[in-house]
Amino acid sequence: MKKHVQILFLSVVMIAANLRSNAQTIIHYWNFNNFTSKMYTDTIHGINADYSDLDKSKAQILYAEMSGVSSSFSTYEDFYPTVAADYDTVNLQLGDTAGNALRPRNPSDSMYLLFYIPTTNFKNISLKYGSESSSVGSGMLHQIFDYSVDSGVNWKTSGLSIPSDSAWLIFHLTSINFSDTLVNNNPKMVFRIAFNGNTSGTSGNNRFDNVTVEGDSIGGTGTTPSGVVQVVKVTPSYNLFPNPVSNTLDINGNIDGLKSIVIYNTLGETVYSSSVAGKNLTLNVADLKAGNYFIDITEKISGVVSTLKFIKQ
């Protein structure tokens, strides 16, 4: 009996270790819940990431015309408020709930959906997102993939785990891994989607939501020198209360010592920063505007970063 218990214990430890080793850092994340615009392609607008481990201003999604196509094909993208029947819970992150999705509109036969996703200091890159088609009769049926490691000068398909995917009538997870080592640690990485099937009409669309780019940290210079500890984002060891909050936000944790606190809005703008010490902290957020916010808590000694989300009433 004792031997069986030991074997069971070792099995649980091995499974847990494997799960930890497979966990990746979220590099960029789009949830589109605060995207409420209509963007025409004759004036290029990029949608910045809602969260980025690197730089939200450089992580962007654009809907753009193919090179050399007549402007008569110009179309636009806007937002789609999802409903329960869409099952828009695929790939939700950071405690988010279902909300708006991105909606590139038809005609899409001359359009690309471009993901500018720098991977600086990361390797083993994966891209995941949820998508659905508006209908069998008019929504785009197929999504065709390629990517560029030089900001769109050259495009290729080798190194993709899948070359394409089909849109479903409810949100469906698409997961793409890159085996091309040139994708790693690359500030010029771009992923591209072209559409096929039901793309020439003036109605119909695909909806995209909860886009993540994930990877494994390789250190601040692209290599991990001997004796230097890699720093990655971890599951937060803190709790926020109350959430939503009106005036005073309490941060309760189990790690003592000096730490930096940075609060930023969904546009990536820093609205609060300070250095504090202690396990339990209290912040005055009364002056913040109502909305969604992210908070980074960085341990000064270990460099570990915990990211949480809260709502200001």
C-alpha atoms as a PDB file:
ATOM      1  CA  MET A   1       0.000   0.000   0.000  1.00  0.00           C
ATOM      2  CA  LYS A   2       2.808   2.377   0.960  1.00  0.00           C
ATOM      3  CA  LYS A   3       4.564   1.639  -2.318  1.00  0.00           C
ATOM      4  CA  HIS A   4       1.400   2.391  -4.287  1.00  0.00           C
ATOM      5  CA  VAL A   5       0.986   5.717  -2.492  1.00  0.00           C
ATOM      6  CA  GLN A   6       4.580   6.633  -3.318  1.00  0.00           C
ATOM      7  CA  ILE A   7       4.077   5.776  -6.979  1.00  0.00           C
ATOM      8  CA  LEU A   8       0.867   7.838  -7.077  1.00  0.00           C
ATOM      9  CA  PHE A   9       2.643  10.772  -5.431  1.00  0.00           C
ATOM     10  CA  LEU A  10       5.522  10.638  -7.916  1.00  0.00           C
ATOM     11  CA  SER A  11       3.067  10.478 -10.818  1.00  0.00           C
ATOM     12  CA  VAL A  12       1.252  13.584  -9.592  1.00  0.00           C
ATOM     13  CA  VAL A  13       4.551  15.441  -9.172  1.00  0.00           C
ATOM     14  CA  MET A  14       5.652  14.482 -12.712  1.00  0.00           C
ATOM     15  CA  ILE A  15       2.322  15.599 -14.208  1.00  0.00           C
ATOM     16  CA  ALA A  16       2.468  18.916 -12.347  1.00  0.00           C
ATOM     17  CA  ALA A  17       6.057  19.500 -13.464  1.00  0.00           C
ATOM     18  CA  ASN A  18       5.098  18.776 -17.061  1.00  0.00           C
ATOM     19  CA  LEU A  19       2.209  21.245 -16.895  1.00  0.00           C
ATOM     20  CA  ARG A  20       4.547  23.929 -15.531  1.00  0.00           C
ATOM     21  CA  SER A  21       7.116  23.263 -18.234  1.00  0.00           C
ATOM     22  CA  ASN A  22       4.468  23.559 -20.954  1.00  0.00           C
ATOM     23  CA  ALA A  23       3.136  26.903 -19.686  1.00  0.00           C
ATOM     24  CA  GLN A  24       4.030  29.815 -21.947  1.00  0.00           C
ATOM     25  CA  THR A  25       4.107  33.546 -21.437  1.00  0.00           C
ATOM     26  CA  ILE A  26       1.424  35.666 -23.109  1.00  0.00           C
ATOM     27  CA  ILE A  27       3.373  38.070 -25.300  1.00  0.00           C
ATOM     28  CA  HIS A  28       0.403  39.917 -26.842  1.00  0.00           C
ATOM     29  CA  TYR A  29      -3.362  39.703 -26.289  1.00  0.00           C
ATOM     30  CA  TRP A  30      -6.372  41.305 -27.997  1.00  0.00           C
ATOM     31  CA  ASN A  31      -9.896  40.946 -26.539  1.00  0.00           C
ATOM     32  CA  PHE A  32     -11.508  43.839 -28.526  1.00  0.00           C
ATOM     33  CA  ASN A  33     -14.015  44.532 -25.733  1.00  0.00           C
ATOM     34  CA  ASN A  34     -13.153  48.231 -25.899  1.00  0.00           C
ATOM     35  CA  PHE A  35     -12.984  48.346 -29.696  1.00  0.00           C
ATOM     36  CA  THR A  36     -16.114  50.221 -30.847  1.00  0.00           C
ATOM     37  CA  SER A  37     -14.946  51.786 -34.118  1.00  0.00           C
ATOM     38  CA  LYS A  38     -15.458  51.454 -37.854  1.00  0.00           C
ATOM     39  CA  MET A  39     -12.126  51.602 -39.703  1.00  0.00           C
ATOM     40  CA  TYR A  40     -11.920  52.088 -43.476  1.00  0.00           C
ATOM     41  CA  THR A  41      -8.946  50.650 -45.316  1.00  0.00           C
ATOM     42  CA  ASP A  42      -8.198  53.758 -47.354  1.00  0.00           C
ATOM     43  CA  THR A  43      -6.817  55.202 -44.121  1.00  0.00           C
ATOM     44  CA  ILE A  44      -4.756  52.531 -42.409  1.00  0.00           C
ATOM     45  CA  HIS A  45      -5.519  52.133 -38.724  1.00  0.00           C
ATOM     46  CA  GLY A  46      -3.920  49.531 -36.504  1.00  0.00           C
ATOM     47  CA  ILE A  47      -5.678  48.067 -33.493  1.00  0.00           C
ATOM     48  CA  ASN A  48      -3.183  47.975 -30.641  1.00  0.00           C
ATOM     49  CA  ALA A  49      -2.998  44.954 -28.353  1.00  0.00           C
ATOM     50  CA  ASP A  50      -5.040  45.185 -25.150  1.00  0.00           C
ATOM     51  CA  TYR A  51      -2.082  43.660 -23.332  1.00  0.00           C
ATOM     52  CA  SER A  52       1.560  43.218 -24.358  1.00  0.00           C
ATOM     53  CA  ASP A  53       4.631  41.963 -22.540  1.00  0.00           C
ATOM     54  CA  LEU A  54       6.666  44.072 -24.991  1.00  0.00           C
ATOM     55  CA  ASP A  55       5.024  47.186 -26.475  1.00  0.00           C
ATOM     56  CA  LYS A  56       1.302  47.554 -27.183  1.00  0.00           C
ATOM     57  CA  SER A  57       1.950  50.301 -29.726  1.00  0.00           C
ATOM     58  CA  LYS A  58       3.982  47.873 -31.874  1.00  0.00           C
ATOM     59  CA  ALA A  59       1.614  44.896 -31.580  1.00  0.00           C
ATOM     60  CA  GLN A  60      -1.178  45.717 -34.034  1.00  0.00           C
ATOM     61  CA  ILE A  61      -3.860  44.094 -36.171  1.00  0.00           C
ATOM     62  CA  LEU A  62      -4.741  45.718 -39.505  1.00  0.00           C
ATOM     63  CA  TYR A  63      -7.201  44.981 -42.297  1.00  0.00           C
ATOM     64  CA  ALA A  64      -5.440  46.069 -45.496  1.00  0.00           C
ATOM     65  CA  GLU A  65      -5.816  45.866 -49.270  1.00  0.00           C
ATOM     66  CA  MET A  66      -3.600  43.566 -51.288  1.00  0.00           C
ATOM     67  CA  SER A  67      -0.840  45.391 -53.117  1.00  0.00           C
ATOM     68  CA  GLY A  68      -1.881  46.735 -56.518  1.00  0.00           C
ATOM     69  CA  VAL A  69      -5.619  46.269 -56.011  1.00  0.00           C
ATOM     70  CA  SER A  70      -7.947  49.003 -57.188  1.00  0.00           C
ATOM     71  CA  SER A  71      -9.342  51.297 -54.503  1.00  0.00           C
ATOM     72  CA  SER A  72     -12.830  50.336 -55.736  1.00  0.00           C
ATOM     73  CA  PHE A  73     -12.402  47.192 -53.630  1.00  0.00           C
ATOM     74  CA  SER A  74     -11.962  49.235 -50.466  1.00  0.00           C
ATOM     75  CA  THR A  75     -13.832  47.832 -47.496  1.00  0.00           C
ATOM     76  CA  TYR A  76     -13.752  48.218 -43.718  1.00  0.00           C
ATOM     77  CA  GLU A  77     -13.675  46.512 -40.338  1.00  0.00           C
ATOM     78  CA  ASP A  78     -15.809  47.220 -37.315  1.00  0.00           C
ATOM     79  CA  PHE A  79     -16.896  45.603 -34.055  1.00  0.00           C
ATOM     80  CA  TYR A  80     -19.407  42.827 -33.450  1.00  0.00           C
ATOM     81  CA  PRO A  81     -21.145  42.602 -30.039  1.00  0.00           C
ATOM     82  CA  THR A  82     -21.184  38.863 -29.358  1.00  0.00           C
ATOM     83  CA  VAL A  83     -24.199  37.082 -27.869  1.00  0.00           C
ATOM     84  CA  ALA A  84     -24.502  33.908 -25.791  1.00  0.00           C
ATOM     85  CA  ALA A  85     -25.271  31.788 -28.873  1.00  0.00           C
ATOM     86  CA  ASP A  86     -21.815  32.630 -30.299  1.00  0.00           C
ATOM     87  CA  TYR A  87     -20.061  30.817 -27.424  1.00  0.00           C
ATOM     88  CA  ASP A  88     -17.414  33.517 -27.410  1.00  0.00           C
ATOM     89  CA  THR A  89     -15.414  32.056 -24.518  1.00  0.00           C
ATOM     90  CA  VAL A  90     -12.629  30.574 -26.647  1.00  0.00           C
ATOM     91  CA  ASN A  91      -9.144  31.592 -25.476  1.00  0.00           C
ATOM     92  CA  LEU A  92     -10.309  34.201 -22.947  1.00  0.00           C
ATOM     93  CA  GLN A  93      -7.407  35.499 -20.839  1.00  0.00           C
ATOM     94  CA  LEU A  94      -6.706  37.668 -17.785  1.00  0.00           C
ATOM     95  CA  GLY A  95     -10.158  37.183 -16.283  1.00  0.00           C
ATOM     96  CA  ASP A  96     -11.944  38.745 -19.269  1.00  0.00           C
ATOM     97  CA  THR A  97     -15.530  38.025 -20.228  1.00  0.00           C
ATOM     98  CA  ALA A  98     -17.117  37.788 -23.663  1.00  0.00           C
ATOM     99  CA  GLY A  99     -17.770  41.149 -25.312  1.00  0.00           C
ATOM    100  CA  ASN A 100     -16.995  42.742 -28.660  1.00  0.00           C
ATOM    101  CA  ALA A 101     -15.210  40.911 -31.464  1.00  0.00           C
ATOM    102  CA  LEU A 102     -13.343  42.233 -34.513  1.00  0.00           C
ATOM    103  CA  ARG A 103     -15.335  42.006 -37.754  1.00  0.00           C
ATOM    104  CA  PRO A 104     -13.467  42.375 -41.107  1.00  0.00           C
ATOM    105  CA  ARG A 105     -16.189  42.983 -43.716  1.00  0.00           C
ATOM    106  CA  ASN A 106     -16.804  41.741 -47.251  1.00  0.00           C
ATOM    107  CA  PRO A 107     -15.806  42.096 -50.027  1.00  0.00           C
ATOM    108  CA  SER A 108     -12.643  40.429 -48.748  1.00  0.00           C
ATOM    109  CA  ASP A 109     -11.295  38.846 -51.959  1.00  0.00           C
ATOM    110  CA  SER A 110      -8.718  41.637 -52.167  1.00  0.00           C
ATOM    111  CA  MET A 111      -8.020  41.999 -48.439  1.00  0.00           C
ATOM    112  CA  TYR A 112      -5.541  40.705 -45.882  1.00  0.00           C
ATOM    113  CA  LEU A 113      -5.850  40.592 -42.115  1.00  0.00           C
ATOM    114  CA  LEU A 114      -2.364  41.409 -40.810  1.00  0.00           C
ATOM    115  CA  PHE A 115      -1.016  40.643 -37.329  1.00  0.00           C
ATOM    116  CA  TYR A 116       2.116  42.629 -36.438  1.00  0.00           C
ATOM    117  CA  ILE A 117       3.455  40.513 -33.585  1.00  0.00           C
ATOM    118  CA  PRO A 118       7.057  41.212 -32.503  1.00  0.00           C
ATOM    119  CA  THR A 119       8.572  38.266 -30.627  1.00  0.00           C
ATOM    120  CA  THR A 120      11.640  39.976 -29.164  1.00  0.00           C
ATOM    121  CA  ASN A 121      13.194  37.848 -26.382  1.00  0.00           C
ATOM    122  CA  PHE A 122      10.821  34.909 -26.986  1.00  0.00           C
ATOM    123  CA  LYS A 123      10.966  31.547 -28.767  1.00  0.00           C
ATOM    124  CA  ASN A 124       8.590  28.616 -29.498  1.00  0.00           C
ATOM    125  CA  ILE A 125       5.943  31.021 -30.737  1.00  0.00           C
ATOM    126  CA  SER A 126       2.261  30.108 -30.994  1.00  0.00           C
ATOM    127  CA  LEU A 127      -0.714  32.141 -32.193  1.00  0.00           C
ATOM    128  CA  LYS A 128      -4.252  31.372 -31.032  1.00  0.00           C
ATOM    129  CA  TYR A 129      -7.599  33.014 -31.675  1.00  0.00           C
ATOM    130  CA  GLY A 130     -11.320  32.355 -31.799  1.00  0.00           C
ATOM    131  CA  SER A 131     -13.332  32.992 -34.954  1.00  0.00           C
ATOM    132  CA  GLU A 132     -16.750  32.385 -36.441  1.00  0.00           C
ATOM    133  CA  SER A 133     -18.455  33.028 -39.775  1.00  0.00           C
ATOM    134  CA  SER A 134     -21.584  35.151 -40.038  1.00  0.00           C
ATOM    135  CA  SER A 135     -23.312  32.512 -42.212  1.00  0.00           C
ATOM    136  CA  VAL A 136     -22.706  29.660 -44.636  1.00  0.00           C
ATOM    137  CA  GLY A 137     -24.130  31.696 -47.503  1.00  0.00           C
ATOM    138  CA  SER A 138     -22.173  34.928 -47.129  1.00  0.00           C
ATOM    139  CA  GLY A 139     -19.449  34.628 -44.470  1.00  0.00           C
ATOM    140  CA  MET A 140     -15.865  33.910 -45.549  1.00  0.00           C
ATOM    141  CA  LEU A 141     -15.448  30.125 -45.578  1.00  0.00           C
ATOM    142  CA  HIS A 142     -11.681  29.651 -45.382  1.00  0.00           C
ATOM    143  CA  GLN A 143      -8.731  31.464 -43.804  1.00  0.00           C
ATOM    144  CA  ILE A 144      -5.394  30.999 -45.624  1.00  0.00           C
ATOM    145  CA  PHE A 145      -2.170  31.612 -43.654  1.00  0.00           C
ATOM    146  CA  ASP A 146       1.345  32.822 -44.343  1.00  0.00           C
ATOM    147  CA  TYR A 147       3.895  34.923 -42.448  1.00  0.00           C
ATOM    148  CA  SER A 148       6.879  37.219 -42.816  1.00  0.00           C
ATOM    149  CA  VAL A 149      10.030  37.571 -40.723  1.00  0.00           C
ATOM    150  CA  ASP A 150      11.087  40.845 -42.396  1.00  0.00           C
ATOM    151  CA  SER A 151       8.077  43.156 -41.872  1.00  0.00           C
ATOM    152  CA  GLY A 152       6.244  41.949 -44.980  1.00  0.00           C
ATOM    153  CA  VAL A 153       8.981  42.105 -47.612  1.00  0.00           C
ATOM    154  CA  ASN A 154       8.858  38.332 -48.181  1.00  0.00           C
ATOM    155  CA  TRP A 155       6.152  35.819 -47.278  1.00  0.00           C
ATOM    156  CA  LYS A 156       6.301  32.066 -46.676  1.00  0.00           C
ATOM    157  CA  THR A 157       4.239  29.126 -45.454  1.00  0.00           C
ATOM    158  CA  SER A 158       6.974  26.666 -44.455  1.00  0.00           C
ATOM    159  CA  GLY A 159       7.175  26.339 -40.707  1.00  0.00           C
ATOM    160  CA  LEU A 160       3.430  26.655 -40.084  1.00  0.00           C
ATOM    161  CA  SER A 161       1.743  23.851 -38.135  1.00  0.00           C
ATOM    162  CA  ILE A 162      -1.393  24.330 -40.296  1.00  0.00           C
ATOM    163  CA  PRO A 163      -1.696  26.169 -43.643  1.00  0.00           C
ATOM    164  CA  SER A 164      -5.349  27.206 -43.266  1.00  0.00           C
ATOM    165  CA  ASP A 165      -8.537  26.774 -41.270  1.00  0.00           C
ATOM    166  CA  SER A 166     -12.272  27.008 -41.846  1.00  0.00           C
ATOM    167  CA  ALA A 167     -14.612  29.348 -40.028  1.00  0.00           C
ATOM    168  CA  TRP A 168     -17.422  27.789 -37.983  1.00  0.00           C
ATOM    169  CA  LEU A 169     -20.843  29.202 -37.138  1.00  0.00           C
ATOM    170  CA  ILE A 170     -19.868  29.458 -33.477  1.00  0.00           C
ATOM    171  CA  PHE A 171     -16.518  30.584 -32.123  1.00  0.00           C
ATOM    172  CA  HIS A 172     -13.867  27.977 -32.841  1.00  0.00           C
ATOM    173  CA  LEU A 173     -10.249  27.895 -31.620  1.00  0.00           C
ATOM    174  CA  THR A 174      -7.502  28.142 -34.234  1.00  0.00           C
ATOM    175  CA  SER A 175      -4.019  27.337 -32.913  1.00  0.00           C
ATOM    176  CA  ILE A 176      -0.900  27.880 -35.042  1.00  0.00           C
ATOM    177  CA  ASN A 177       2.652  26.958 -34.058  1.00  0.00           C
ATOM    178  CA  PHE A 178       5.806  28.164 -35.829  1.00  0.00           C
ATOM    179  CA  SER A 179       8.726  25.775 -36.265  1.00  0.00           C
ATOM    180  CA  ASP A 180      10.751  28.326 -38.249  1.00  0.00           C
ATOM    181  CA  THR A 181      13.538  29.513 -35.918  1.00  0.00           C
ATOM    182  CA  LEU A 182      13.603  32.898 -37.693  1.00  0.00           C
ATOM    183  CA  VAL A 183      10.266  33.614 -36.022  1.00  0.00           C
ATOM    184  CA  ASN A 184      11.989  33.537 -32.622  1.00  0.00           C
ATOM    185  CA  ASN A 185      13.301  36.741 -31.053  1.00  0.00           C
ATOM    186  CA  ASN A 186      12.144  38.723 -34.087  1.00  0.00           C
ATOM    187  CA  PRO A 187      10.871  42.331 -33.882  1.00  0.00           C
ATOM    188  CA  LYS A 188       9.712  42.157 -37.537  1.00  0.00           C
ATOM    189  CA  MET A 189       7.327  39.194 -37.310  1.00  0.00           C
ATOM    190  CA  VAL A 190       4.032  39.518 -39.231  1.00  0.00           C
ATOM    191  CA  PHE A 191       1.268  36.920 -39.632  1.00  0.00           C
ATOM    192  CA  ARG A 192      -1.231  37.197 -42.489  1.00  0.00           C
ATOM    193  CA  ILE A 193      -4.684  35.794 -43.256  1.00  0.00           C
ATOM    194  CA  ALA A 194      -6.263  35.816 -46.722  1.00  0.00           C
ATOM    195  CA  PHE A 195      -9.855  34.710 -47.254  1.00  0.00           C
ATOM    196  CA  ASN A 196     -11.450  32.281 -49.685  1.00  0.00           C
ATOM    197  CA  GLY A 197     -15.088  31.430 -50.361  1.00  0.00           C
ATOM    198  CA  ASN A 198     -17.992  33.925 -50.258  1.00  0.00           C
ATOM    199  CA  THR A 199     -15.525  36.810 -50.445  1.00  0.00           C
ATOM    200  CA  SER A 200     -16.766  38.935 -53.361  1.00  0.00           C
ATOM    201  CA  GLY A 201     -20.174  39.975 -52.051  1.00  0.00           C
ATOM    202  CA  THR A 202     -20.993  43.117 -50.115  1.00  0.00           C
ATOM    203  CA  SER A 203     -22.359  41.268 -47.068  1.00  0.00           C
ATOM    204  CA  GLY A 204     -20.911  38.619 -44.791  1.00  0.00           C
ATOM    205  CA  ASN A 205     -17.883  38.484 -42.517  1.00  0.00           C
ATOM    206  CA  ASN A 206     -15.731  36.516 -40.128  1.00  0.00           C
ATOM    207  CA  ARG A 207     -15.497  37.579 -36.485  1.00  0.00           C
ATOM    208  CA  PHE A 208     -12.196  37.317 -34.550  1.00  0.00           C
ATOM    209  CA  ASP A 209     -11.723  37.458 -30.812  1.00  0.00           C
ATOM    210  CA  ASN A 210      -9.342  36.664 -27.937  1.00  0.00           C
ATOM    211  CA  VAL A 211      -6.149  36.684 -29.990  1.00  0.00           C
ATOM    212  CA  THR A 212      -3.005  35.599 -28.139  1.00  0.00           C
ATOM    213  CA  VAL A 213       0.640  35.321 -29.120  1.00  0.00           C
ATOM    214  CA  GLU A 214       2.546  33.120 -26.667  1.00  0.00           C
ATOM    215  CA  GLY A 215       6.132  31.962 -26.278  1.00  0.00           C
ATOM    216  CA  ASP A 216       8.966  30.957 -23.974  1.00  0.00           C
ATOM    217  CA  SER A 217      11.268  33.644 -22.623  1.00  0.00           C
ATOM    218  CA  ILE A 218      14.895  33.488 -23.748  1.00  0.00           C
ATOM    219  CA  GLY A 219      16.108  36.402 -21.620  1.00  0.00           C
ATOM    220  CA  GLY A 220      16.534  40.090 -22.310  1.00  0.00           C
ATOM    221  CA  THR A 221      19.228  39.767 -25.012  1.00  0.00           C
ATOM    222  CA  GLY A 222      17.990  36.739 -26.926  1.00  0.00           C
ATOM    223  CA  THR A 223      20.230  34.372 -24.930  1.00  0.00           C
ATOM    224  CA  THR A 224      20.347  33.312 -21.301  1.00  0.00           C
ATOM    225  CA  PRO A 225      23.894  33.735 -19.938  1.00  0.00           C
ATOM    226  CA  SER A 226      25.186  31.159 -17.470  1.00  0.00           C
ATOM    227  CA  GLY A 227      24.083  31.882 -13.916  1.00  0.00           C
ATOM    228  CA  VAL A 228      21.369  34.366 -14.955  1.00  0.00           C
ATOM    229  CA  VAL A 229      17.816  33.507 -13.947  1.00  0.00           C
ATOM    230  CA  GLN A 230      15.215  33.745 -16.716  1.00  0.00           C
ATOM    231  CA  VAL A 231      12.349  36.078 -15.876  1.00  0.00           C
ATOM    232  CA  VAL A 232       8.890  35.158 -17.070  1.00  0.00           C
ATOM    233  CA  LYS A 233       5.400  36.257 -16.170  1.00  0.00           C
ATOM    234  CA  VAL A 234       3.725  33.930 -13.717  1.00  0.00           C
ATOM    235  CA  THR A 235       0.270  33.219 -12.432  1.00  0.00           C
ATOM    236  CA  PRO A 236      -0.436  36.142 -10.087  1.00  0.00           C
ATOM    237  CA  SER A 237       0.210  35.445  -6.393  1.00  0.00           C
ATOM    238  CA  TYR A 238      -1.931  38.442  -5.435  1.00  0.00           C
ATOM    239  CA  ASN A 239      -5.629  39.173  -4.949  1.00  0.00           C
ATOM    240  CA  LEU A 240      -7.353  42.474  -5.667  1.00  0.00           C
ATOM    241  CA  PHE A 241     -10.276  43.669  -3.532  1.00  0.00           C
ATOM    242  CA  PRO A 242     -12.802  45.024  -4.156  1.00  0.00           C
ATOM    243  CA  ASN A 243     -13.101  44.380  -7.880  1.00  0.00           C
ATOM    244  CA  PRO A 244     -14.877  46.388  -9.321  1.00  0.00           C
ATOM    245  CA  VAL A 245     -13.467  49.206  -7.201  1.00  0.00           C
ATOM    246  CA  SER A 246     -14.621  52.774  -6.551  1.00  0.00           C
ATOM    247  CA  ASN A 247     -11.953  54.466  -4.447  1.00  0.00           C
ATOM    248  CA  THR A 248      -9.508  52.216  -2.591  1.00  0.00           C
ATOM    249  CA  LEU A 249      -7.948  49.086  -4.070  1.00  0.00           C
ATOM    250  CA  ASP A 250      -6.389  46.536  -1.701  1.00  0.00           C
ATOM    251  CA  ILE A 251      -3.633  44.229  -2.982  1.00  0.00           C
ATOM    252  CA  ASN A 252      -3.144  41.131  -0.844  1.00  0.00           C
ATOM    253  CA  GLY A 253      -0.211  38.800  -1.480  1.00  0.00           C
ATOM    254  CA  ASN A 254       2.211  36.417   0.160  1.00  0.00           C
ATOM    255  CA  ILE A 255       5.506  37.947  -1.009  1.00  0.00           C
ATOM    256  CA  ASP A 256       7.232  40.567   1.110  1.00  0.00           C
ATOM    257  CA  GLY A 257       9.869  43.053   0.004  1.00  0.00           C
ATOM    258  CA  LEU A 258      10.136  45.986  -2.397  1.00  0.00           C
ATOM    259  CA  LYS A 259       8.048  45.922  -5.566  1.00  0.00           C
ATOM    260  CA  SER A 260       7.010  48.324  -8.320  1.00  0.00           C
ATOM    261  CA  ILE A 261       3.355  48.943  -9.170  1.00  0.00           C
ATOM    262  CA  VAL A 262       2.252  50.102 -12.627  1.00  0.00           C
ATOM    263  CA  ILE A 263      -1.381  50.587 -13.661  1.00  0.00           C
ATOM    264  CA  TYR A 264      -2.233  51.126 -17.320  1.00  0.00           C
ATOM    265  CA  ASN A 265      -5.455  51.461 -19.297  1.00  0.00           C
ATOM    266  CA  THR A 266      -6.578  49.452 -22.321  1.00  0.00           C
ATOM    267  CA  LEU A 267      -4.738  51.889 -24.633  1.00  0.00           C
ATOM    268  CA  GLY A 268      -1.461  51.017 -22.916  1.00  0.00           C
ATOM    269  CA  GLU A 269      -1.175  54.417 -21.213  1.00  0.00           C
ATOM    270  CA  THR A 270       0.375  54.379 -17.739  1.00  0.00           C
ATOM    271  CA  VAL A 271      -1.994  56.035 -15.265  1.00  0.00           C
ATOM    272  CA  TYR A 272      -0.226  55.175 -12.009  1.00  0.00           C
ATOM    273  CA  SER A 273       3.236  54.008 -10.917  1.00  0.00           C
ATOM    274  CA  SER A 274       5.034  53.716  -7.589  1.00  0.00           C
ATOM    275  CA  SER A 275       7.501  51.631  -5.564  1.00  0.00           C
ATOM    276  CA  VAL A 276       6.199  50.088  -2.354  1.00  0.00           C
ATOM    277  CA  ALA A 277       7.112  47.359   0.138  1.00  0.00           C
ATOM    278  CA  GLY A 278       5.088  44.748   1.975  1.00  0.00           C
ATOM    279  CA  LYS A 279       2.704  41.883   1.330  1.00  0.00           C
ATOM    280  CA  ASN A 280      -0.540  43.844   1.657  1.00  0.00           C
ATOM    281  CA  LEU A 281      -0.891  47.197  -0.115  1.00  0.00           C
ATOM    282  CA  THR A 282      -3.580  49.856  -0.495  1.00  0.00           C
ATOM    283  CA  LEU A 283      -3.869  52.113  -3.552  1.00  0.00           C
ATOM    284  CA  ASN A 284      -6.054  55.184  -3.993  1.00  0.00           C
ATOM    285  CA  VAL A 285      -7.653  54.869  -7.445  1.00  0.00           C
ATOM    286  CA  ALA A 286     -10.466  57.363  -6.917  1.00  0.00           C
ATOM    287  CA  ASP A 287      -9.139  59.674  -9.660  1.00  0.00           C
ATOM    288  CA  LEU A 288      -9.126  56.981 -12.354  1.00  0.00           C
ATOM    289  CA  LYS A 289     -11.829  57.147 -15.010  1.00  0.00           C
ATOM    290  CA  ALA A 290     -14.388  54.341 -15.106  1.00  0.00           C
ATOM    291  CA  GLY A 291     -13.209  51.403 -17.229  1.00  0.00           C
ATOM    292  CA  ASN A 292     -10.931  48.372 -17.403  1.00  0.00           C
ATOM    293  CA  TYR A 293      -7.335  48.524 -16.166  1.00  0.00           C
ATOM    294  CA  PHE A 294      -4.310  46.236 -15.907  1.00  0.00           C
ATOM    295  CA  ILE A 295      -1.844  46.270 -13.035  1.00  0.00           C
ATOM    296  CA  ASP A 296       1.746  44.973 -13.171  1.00  0.00           C
ATOM    297  CA  ILE A 297       3.381  44.056  -9.848  1.00  0.00           C
ATOM    298  CA  THR A 298       7.137  43.502 -10.248  1.00  0.00           C
ATOM    299  CA  GLU A 299       9.202  41.916  -7.477  1.00  0.00           C
ATOM    300  CA  LYS A 300      12.446  43.910  -7.203  1.00  0.00           C
ATOM    301  CA  ILE A 301      14.562  40.976  -6.022  1.00  0.00           C
ATOM    302  CA  SER A 302      13.374  38.214  -8.366  1.00  0.00           C
ATOM    303  CA  GLY A 303      12.136  40.359 -11.264  1.00  0.00           C
ATOM    304  CA  VAL A 304       8.959  38.246 -11.427  1.00  0.00           C
ATOM    305  CA  VAL A 305       5.987  40.126 -12.873  1.00  0.00           C
ATOM    306  CA  SER A 306       2.359  39.443 -11.934  1.00  0.00           C
ATOM    307  CA  THR A 307      -0.361  40.938 -14.133  1.00  0.00           C
ATOM    308  CA  LEU A 308      -3.939  41.339 -12.949  1.00  0.00           C
ATOM    309  CA  LYS A 309      -7.022  43.111 -14.229  1.00  0.00           C
ATOM    310  CA  PHE A 310      -9.542  45.272 -12.375  1.00  0.00           C
ATOM    311  CA  ILE A 311     -12.561  47.411 -13.180  1.00  0.00           C
ATOM    312  CA  LYS A 312     -12.912  51.002 -11.971  1.00  0.00           C
ATOM    313  CA  GLN A 313     -16.515  51.988 -11.364  1.00  0.00           C
END
